[in-house]
N, C-alpha and C. Protein backbone atom coordinates (compact mmCIF):
# COMPACT_ATOMS: atom_id res chain seq x y z
N MET A 1 -222.50 83.69 112.63
CA MET A 1 -223.11 84.70 111.81
C MET A 1 -223.60 85.73 112.94
N ASP A 2 -223.84 87.55 111.50
CA ASP A 2 -223.94 87.99 112.77
C ASP A 2 -225.52 88.51 113.03
N ARG A 3 -226.48 89.32 113.33
CA ARG A 3 -227.98 89.69 113.22
C ARG A 3 -228.67 89.60 111.51
N GLU A 4 -227.80 90.12 110.64
CA GLU A 4 -228.85 90.03 109.61
C GLU A 4 -228.37 88.67 109.03
N GLY A 5 -227.79 87.45 109.75
CA GLY A 5 -227.61 86.05 108.90
C GLY A 5 -225.65 85.71 108.25
N LYS A 6 -225.32 87.22 107.80
CA LYS A 6 -224.33 87.09 107.63
C LYS A 6 -222.75 86.52 108.47
N LYS A 7 -222.47 85.93 107.21
CA LYS A 7 -220.93 85.59 107.91
C LYS A 7 -219.91 86.23 108.47
N LYS A 8 -219.49 86.62 110.00
CA LYS A 8 -218.55 87.74 110.12
C LYS A 8 -217.23 87.66 110.07
N PRO A 9 -216.16 87.96 109.64
CA PRO A 9 -215.47 88.10 109.03
C PRO A 9 -214.34 88.08 110.83
N LYS A 10 -212.94 87.13 110.64
CA LYS A 10 -212.76 86.82 111.57
C LYS A 10 -211.25 87.56 111.86
N VAL A 11 -211.00 87.59 112.57
CA VAL A 11 -209.86 88.84 113.18
C VAL A 11 -209.38 88.01 113.87
N ALA A 12 -207.92 88.04 113.46
CA ALA A 12 -206.98 87.75 114.67
C ALA A 12 -205.98 88.40 114.60
N PHE A 13 -205.28 88.46 116.16
CA PHE A 13 -204.38 89.49 116.72
C PHE A 13 -203.32 88.90 117.16
N ILE A 14 -201.86 89.19 116.41
CA ILE A 14 -201.02 88.21 116.57
C ILE A 14 -200.07 88.62 116.93
N CYS A 15 -199.46 87.81 117.80
CA CYS A 15 -197.61 88.50 118.90
C CYS A 15 -197.34 87.08 119.28
N VAL A 16 -195.90 87.65 119.77
CA VAL A 16 -195.41 86.52 119.63
C VAL A 16 -195.80 85.24 120.64
N HIS A 17 -195.75 85.69 121.54
CA HIS A 17 -196.01 84.84 122.66
C HIS A 17 -197.53 84.29 123.54
N ASN A 18 -198.54 85.64 122.39
CA ASN A 18 -199.59 85.18 122.65
C ASN A 18 -199.75 85.63 124.78
N SER A 19 -200.07 86.13 125.15
CA SER A 19 -200.29 86.27 126.64
C SER A 19 -200.48 87.28 127.13
N CYS A 20 -200.40 88.41 126.48
CA CYS A 20 -200.64 89.98 126.90
C CYS A 20 -201.66 90.91 125.49
N ARG A 21 -200.73 91.24 125.31
CA ARG A 21 -200.82 92.44 124.08
C ARG A 21 -202.29 92.02 122.97
N SER A 22 -201.78 90.90 122.51
CA SER A 22 -202.92 90.07 121.71
C SER A 22 -204.34 89.31 122.49
N GLN A 23 -203.71 88.80 123.95
CA GLN A 23 -204.62 88.18 124.42
C GLN A 23 -206.12 90.10 124.78
N ILE A 24 -205.27 90.56 125.26
CA ILE A 24 -206.24 92.36 125.95
C ILE A 24 -207.05 92.49 124.77
N ALA A 25 -206.50 92.67 123.26
CA ALA A 25 -206.90 92.68 122.11
C ALA A 25 -208.19 91.52 121.76
N GLU A 26 -207.86 90.63 121.68
CA GLU A 26 -209.14 89.50 121.89
C GLU A 26 -210.18 89.50 122.50
N ALA A 27 -209.98 89.89 123.98
CA ALA A 27 -210.68 90.54 125.39
C ALA A 27 -211.81 91.65 124.50
N LEU A 28 -210.87 92.70 124.34
CA LEU A 28 -211.69 93.73 124.15
C LEU A 28 -212.68 93.77 122.43
N GLY A 29 -212.12 93.13 121.85
CA GLY A 29 -212.77 92.87 120.79
C GLY A 29 -213.79 92.27 120.66
N LYS A 30 -213.83 90.80 121.59
CA LYS A 30 -215.38 90.46 122.06
C LYS A 30 -216.23 91.24 122.70
N HIS A 31 -215.59 91.80 123.70
CA HIS A 31 -216.65 92.80 124.20
C HIS A 31 -216.75 94.05 123.73
N PHE A 32 -216.23 94.80 122.71
CA PHE A 32 -217.09 95.98 121.71
C PHE A 32 -217.57 95.75 120.68
N ALA A 33 -216.67 94.33 120.15
CA ALA A 33 -217.67 94.46 118.40
C ALA A 33 -217.84 92.81 118.23
N GLY A 34 -218.76 91.86 119.30
CA GLY A 34 -218.22 90.82 118.88
C GLY A 34 -219.37 90.75 118.70
N ASP A 35 -220.49 91.59 118.11
CA ASP A 35 -221.74 91.62 117.06
C ASP A 35 -221.45 91.49 115.66
N ARG A 36 -220.43 92.24 115.06
CA ARG A 36 -219.80 92.06 114.18
C ARG A 36 -218.44 91.61 113.22
N PHE A 37 -217.91 90.79 114.39
CA PHE A 37 -217.04 90.08 114.18
C PHE A 37 -216.45 88.89 114.97
N GLU A 38 -215.67 87.71 114.73
CA GLU A 38 -215.00 86.90 115.63
C GLU A 38 -213.52 87.23 115.75
N PHE A 39 -213.48 87.44 116.56
CA PHE A 39 -211.82 87.72 116.85
C PHE A 39 -211.29 86.14 118.03
N TYR A 40 -209.80 86.27 117.32
CA TYR A 40 -208.78 85.41 118.10
C TYR A 40 -207.54 85.93 118.23
N SER A 41 -207.25 85.69 119.12
CA SER A 41 -205.66 85.52 119.64
C SER A 41 -204.59 84.75 119.37
N ALA A 42 -203.35 84.80 119.18
CA ALA A 42 -202.26 83.61 118.97
C ALA A 42 -200.67 84.78 118.94
N GLY A 43 -200.21 83.25 118.42
CA GLY A 43 -198.47 83.16 118.82
C GLY A 43 -197.80 82.03 117.92
N THR A 44 -196.98 82.54 117.96
CA THR A 44 -195.78 81.26 117.20
C THR A 44 -195.25 80.92 118.77
N GLU A 45 -195.05 81.42 119.77
CA GLU A 45 -195.22 80.61 120.67
C GLU A 45 -196.01 81.00 122.09
N THR A 46 -196.24 80.42 123.03
CA THR A 46 -197.24 80.08 123.91
C THR A 46 -196.59 79.92 125.20
N LYS A 47 -197.43 80.52 125.97
CA LYS A 47 -197.01 80.64 127.84
C LYS A 47 -197.66 79.70 128.77
N PRO A 48 -197.88 79.35 129.59
CA PRO A 48 -198.28 78.75 130.55
C PRO A 48 -199.72 79.42 130.93
N GLN A 49 -199.84 80.45 131.23
CA GLN A 49 -201.10 81.27 131.46
C GLN A 49 -200.92 83.30 130.81
N ILE A 50 -201.92 83.51 130.31
CA ILE A 50 -202.02 84.79 130.43
C ILE A 50 -201.57 85.83 131.52
N ASN A 51 -200.78 86.58 130.89
CA ASN A 51 -200.28 87.63 131.75
C ASN A 51 -201.23 87.68 133.00
N GLN A 52 -200.40 88.04 134.21
CA GLN A 52 -201.46 88.47 135.13
C GLN A 52 -201.89 89.63 135.75
N ASP A 53 -201.21 90.84 135.00
CA ASP A 53 -201.04 91.81 134.96
C ASP A 53 -202.22 92.30 134.46
N ALA A 54 -202.35 91.54 132.59
CA ALA A 54 -203.31 91.94 132.22
C ALA A 54 -204.82 91.37 132.76
N VAL A 55 -204.47 90.16 133.02
CA VAL A 55 -205.70 89.44 133.14
C VAL A 55 -206.62 90.29 134.73
N ARG A 56 -205.67 90.77 135.82
CA ARG A 56 -205.92 91.53 136.21
C ARG A 56 -207.10 92.98 136.14
N LEU A 57 -206.20 93.98 135.63
CA LEU A 57 -206.49 95.51 135.07
C LEU A 57 -207.95 95.12 133.96
N ILE A 58 -207.73 94.23 133.22
CA ILE A 58 -209.01 94.09 132.34
C ILE A 58 -210.58 93.95 133.11
N LYS A 59 -210.07 92.70 134.29
CA LYS A 59 -211.43 92.17 134.80
C LYS A 59 -211.30 93.47 136.16
N GLU A 60 -210.58 94.70 136.41
CA GLU A 60 -211.17 95.86 137.45
C GLU A 60 -211.83 97.14 136.16
N LEU A 61 -211.61 96.85 135.02
CA LEU A 61 -211.55 98.15 133.66
C LEU A 61 -212.91 97.66 133.28
N TYR A 62 -213.41 96.57 133.19
CA TYR A 62 -214.21 96.12 131.96
C TYR A 62 -215.16 94.80 132.64
N GLY A 63 -214.37 94.15 134.00
CA GLY A 63 -215.79 92.83 133.81
C GLY A 63 -215.23 91.75 133.48
N ILE A 64 -214.22 92.05 132.67
CA ILE A 64 -213.95 90.37 131.59
C ILE A 64 -213.14 89.56 132.10
N ASP A 65 -212.93 88.30 132.69
CA ASP A 65 -212.61 87.70 133.12
C ASP A 65 -211.54 86.77 131.82
N MET A 66 -210.16 87.23 131.16
CA MET A 66 -209.93 86.41 130.33
C MET A 66 -209.88 85.18 130.58
N GLU A 67 -209.29 84.47 132.10
CA GLU A 67 -209.07 83.34 132.07
C GLU A 67 -209.89 82.69 131.45
N VAL A 68 -210.96 82.42 131.87
CA VAL A 68 -212.53 81.92 131.49
C VAL A 68 -212.79 82.13 129.89
N THR A 69 -212.19 83.01 129.69
CA THR A 69 -212.74 82.52 127.75
C THR A 69 -211.92 81.98 127.11
N GLN A 70 -210.68 82.75 127.38
CA GLN A 70 -209.24 82.84 126.72
C GLN A 70 -207.90 81.81 127.28
N TYR A 71 -207.18 81.66 126.63
CA TYR A 71 -205.79 81.09 126.86
C TYR A 71 -205.14 81.18 125.90
N SER A 72 -203.68 80.64 126.03
CA SER A 72 -202.27 81.11 125.25
C SER A 72 -202.58 80.02 124.27
N LYS A 73 -202.03 80.36 122.74
CA LYS A 73 -202.28 79.60 121.75
C LYS A 73 -201.41 79.83 119.97
N THR A 74 -201.12 79.06 119.99
CA THR A 74 -200.53 78.79 118.80
C THR A 74 -201.26 79.48 117.47
N ILE A 75 -200.55 79.97 116.13
CA ILE A 75 -201.60 80.67 114.99
C ILE A 75 -202.15 78.88 114.32
N ASP A 76 -201.58 78.01 114.51
CA ASP A 76 -202.27 76.80 114.27
C ASP A 76 -203.26 76.33 114.51
N LYS A 77 -203.68 77.21 115.69
CA LYS A 77 -205.04 76.35 116.53
C LYS A 77 -206.04 77.67 116.44
N ILE A 78 -205.89 78.22 115.49
CA ILE A 78 -207.47 79.15 115.29
C ILE A 78 -207.52 79.05 113.61
N PRO A 79 -208.86 79.34 113.58
CA PRO A 79 -209.25 79.51 111.83
C PRO A 79 -208.60 80.78 111.42
N THR A 80 -208.45 80.52 110.18
CA THR A 80 -207.48 81.40 108.51
C THR A 80 -208.19 82.80 108.98
N PRO A 81 -207.49 83.51 109.64
CA PRO A 81 -208.33 84.72 109.61
C PRO A 81 -208.39 85.44 108.39
N ASP A 82 -209.75 87.04 108.12
CA ASP A 82 -210.13 87.38 107.25
C ASP A 82 -208.57 88.46 107.80
N ILE A 83 -208.73 89.04 108.83
CA ILE A 83 -208.10 90.10 108.55
C ILE A 83 -207.07 90.17 109.77
N ALA A 84 -206.08 89.73 109.85
CA ALA A 84 -204.72 89.82 110.50
C ALA A 84 -203.94 90.97 111.52
N ILE A 85 -203.52 91.16 112.68
CA ILE A 85 -203.46 92.30 113.08
C ILE A 85 -202.04 91.63 113.80
N SER A 86 -200.96 92.42 113.65
CA SER A 86 -200.30 92.44 114.33
C SER A 86 -199.78 92.96 115.27
N MET A 87 -199.59 92.68 116.36
CA MET A 87 -199.59 94.01 118.13
C MET A 87 -198.68 95.30 117.59
N GLY A 88 -197.16 94.34 117.35
CA GLY A 88 -196.13 95.14 117.02
C GLY A 88 -194.87 94.53 117.38
N CYS A 89 -193.91 94.74 116.68
CA CYS A 89 -192.54 93.93 116.37
C CYS A 89 -191.57 94.19 117.38
N ASP A 90 -191.85 94.93 118.89
CA ASP A 90 -190.96 95.29 119.71
C ASP A 90 -189.83 93.99 120.11
N VAL A 91 -190.96 93.05 119.92
CA VAL A 91 -190.28 92.00 120.23
C VAL A 91 -190.67 90.96 119.34
N GLY A 92 -190.30 91.19 118.33
CA GLY A 92 -189.51 90.78 116.91
C GLY A 92 -191.13 89.92 116.12
N CYS A 93 -191.32 90.18 115.07
CA CYS A 93 -192.58 89.96 114.49
C CYS A 93 -192.27 88.31 113.83
N PRO A 94 -193.37 87.76 114.45
CA PRO A 94 -193.85 86.11 113.88
C PRO A 94 -194.33 86.77 112.29
N TYR A 95 -193.64 85.11 111.67
CA TYR A 95 -194.19 85.37 110.05
C TYR A 95 -195.48 84.17 110.07
N ILE A 96 -196.90 84.40 109.57
CA ILE A 96 -197.71 83.69 109.83
C ILE A 96 -198.45 83.14 108.73
N GLY A 97 -197.35 83.55 107.70
CA GLY A 97 -197.96 82.90 106.24
C GLY A 97 -198.26 83.98 104.72
N ARG A 98 -198.56 85.06 105.33
CA ARG A 98 -198.54 86.22 104.59
C ARG A 98 -198.86 87.34 105.35
N ALA A 99 -199.00 88.33 104.39
CA ALA A 99 -198.50 89.91 105.20
C ALA A 99 -199.58 90.42 106.39
N PHE A 100 -199.40 90.81 107.10
CA PHE A 100 -200.19 91.37 107.89
C PHE A 100 -200.87 92.45 107.32
N ASP A 101 -202.56 92.67 107.79
CA ASP A 101 -203.25 93.55 107.09
C ASP A 101 -203.47 94.72 107.65
N ASP A 102 -202.58 95.01 109.24
CA ASP A 102 -202.01 96.51 110.37
C ASP A 102 -201.28 95.82 110.75
N ASP A 103 -200.18 96.48 111.79
CA ASP A 103 -199.65 96.60 112.60
C ASP A 103 -199.46 97.94 113.63
N TRP A 104 -200.64 97.50 114.60
CA TRP A 104 -200.23 98.35 116.21
C TRP A 104 -199.28 98.89 116.68
N GLY A 105 -198.13 98.86 116.19
CA GLY A 105 -196.90 98.87 117.37
C GLY A 105 -196.98 99.40 118.25
N ILE A 106 -197.67 98.05 119.43
CA ILE A 106 -198.02 98.64 120.52
C ILE A 106 -196.84 98.42 121.52
N THR A 107 -196.36 98.71 122.23
CA THR A 107 -195.10 97.96 122.63
C THR A 107 -195.64 97.12 124.25
N ASP A 108 -194.89 96.25 123.87
CA ASP A 108 -195.44 95.01 125.58
C ASP A 108 -195.43 95.89 126.92
N PRO A 109 -196.16 95.70 127.44
CA PRO A 109 -195.95 96.23 129.02
C PRO A 109 -195.69 95.82 130.05
N THR A 110 -195.53 94.53 129.66
CA THR A 110 -195.34 93.20 130.20
C THR A 110 -194.37 93.84 131.39
N GLY A 111 -194.29 93.15 132.61
CA GLY A 111 -193.13 93.93 133.97
C GLY A 111 -193.03 95.52 134.15
N LYS A 112 -194.16 96.79 133.51
CA LYS A 112 -194.25 97.54 133.53
C LYS A 112 -195.60 98.04 134.78
N SER A 113 -195.59 98.94 135.19
CA SER A 113 -196.71 99.57 136.15
C SER A 113 -197.97 99.63 135.37
N ASP A 114 -199.34 99.57 136.53
CA ASP A 114 -200.28 99.50 136.10
C ASP A 114 -200.67 100.84 135.11
N GLU A 115 -199.71 102.10 135.44
CA GLU A 115 -200.38 102.87 134.70
C GLU A 115 -200.31 102.75 133.01
N ILE A 116 -199.18 102.35 132.86
CA ILE A 116 -198.48 101.86 131.47
C ILE A 116 -198.68 100.80 131.11
N PHE A 117 -199.28 99.75 131.57
CA PHE A 117 -200.82 98.94 131.32
C PHE A 117 -202.06 99.20 130.91
N THR A 118 -202.49 99.65 131.96
CA THR A 118 -203.58 100.78 131.70
C THR A 118 -203.29 101.46 130.36
N VAL A 119 -202.48 102.31 129.97
CA VAL A 119 -202.44 103.45 129.12
C VAL A 119 -202.50 102.28 127.21
N THR A 120 -201.78 101.22 128.14
CA THR A 120 -201.36 100.14 127.12
C THR A 120 -202.85 99.66 126.64
N ILE A 121 -203.88 99.43 127.45
CA ILE A 121 -204.94 98.95 127.50
C ILE A 121 -205.89 99.50 126.73
N LYS A 122 -205.81 100.96 126.59
CA LYS A 122 -206.82 102.00 126.28
C LYS A 122 -206.59 102.60 125.13
N LYS A 123 -205.20 102.09 124.28
CA LYS A 123 -205.06 102.08 123.06
C LYS A 123 -205.44 100.65 121.99
N ILE A 124 -204.99 100.00 123.28
CA ILE A 124 -206.24 99.06 122.58
C ILE A 124 -207.51 99.25 122.31
N GLU A 125 -207.83 99.38 123.06
CA GLU A 125 -209.26 99.57 122.80
C GLU A 125 -209.36 100.87 122.23
N GLU A 126 -209.11 101.56 121.63
CA GLU A 126 -209.06 103.20 120.92
C GLU A 126 -208.71 102.12 119.63
N ASN A 127 -207.83 101.19 118.94
CA ASN A 127 -207.97 100.61 118.00
C ASN A 127 -208.70 99.60 117.24
N ILE A 128 -209.59 99.38 118.83
CA ILE A 128 -210.50 98.02 118.42
C ILE A 128 -212.21 99.26 117.75
N LEU A 129 -212.29 100.14 118.52
CA LEU A 129 -213.36 101.14 118.42
C LEU A 129 -213.30 101.46 116.84
N CYS A 130 -211.44 101.91 116.56
CA CYS A 130 -211.71 102.39 114.74
C CYS A 130 -211.77 101.47 113.88
N LEU A 131 -211.56 100.02 114.44
CA LEU A 131 -211.18 98.77 113.75
C LEU A 131 -212.50 98.73 113.01
N LYS A 132 -213.92 98.75 114.30
CA LYS A 132 -215.55 98.25 113.84
C LYS A 132 -215.75 99.80 113.00
N ASP A 133 -215.55 100.64 113.29
CA ASP A 133 -215.90 102.20 112.34
C ASP A 133 -215.81 101.86 111.53
N ARG A 134 -214.84 102.12 110.92
CA ARG A 134 -213.66 101.40 109.96
C ARG A 134 -214.42 100.32 108.69
N LEU A 135 -214.53 98.95 109.07
CA LEU A 135 -214.71 97.79 108.82
C LEU A 135 -216.45 97.61 108.87
N HIS A 136 -216.92 98.43 109.47
CA HIS A 136 -218.24 98.31 109.70
C HIS A 136 -219.21 98.31 108.10
């Protein structure tokens, strides 16, 4: 529930492995708009841990420890979302049982430099803030 006692819409960020971009989006969603929405991330497959470059940079940039509050999970492990956002299909779009509400088209930074990771993180932050403004 939000401050006014209304049920918060559930937003899910979806990609294949749920280890990098969708995890970043979940963390930043909770950080910047957790008062208005419930945020989740999921994939069609899982990884044993969240991408360690993402974990390190999110901790450095925002003071958020994703490994404390998040883990890699499949779509069936989260509540049915009101809003489903694909992070991008450069690794293949998963099918979630319905059409996505939006596709952010963000390239996977896994294995790339900190600079590329930071650009990706800042783009996700920008998209979260736009989502918050658009749907408030």
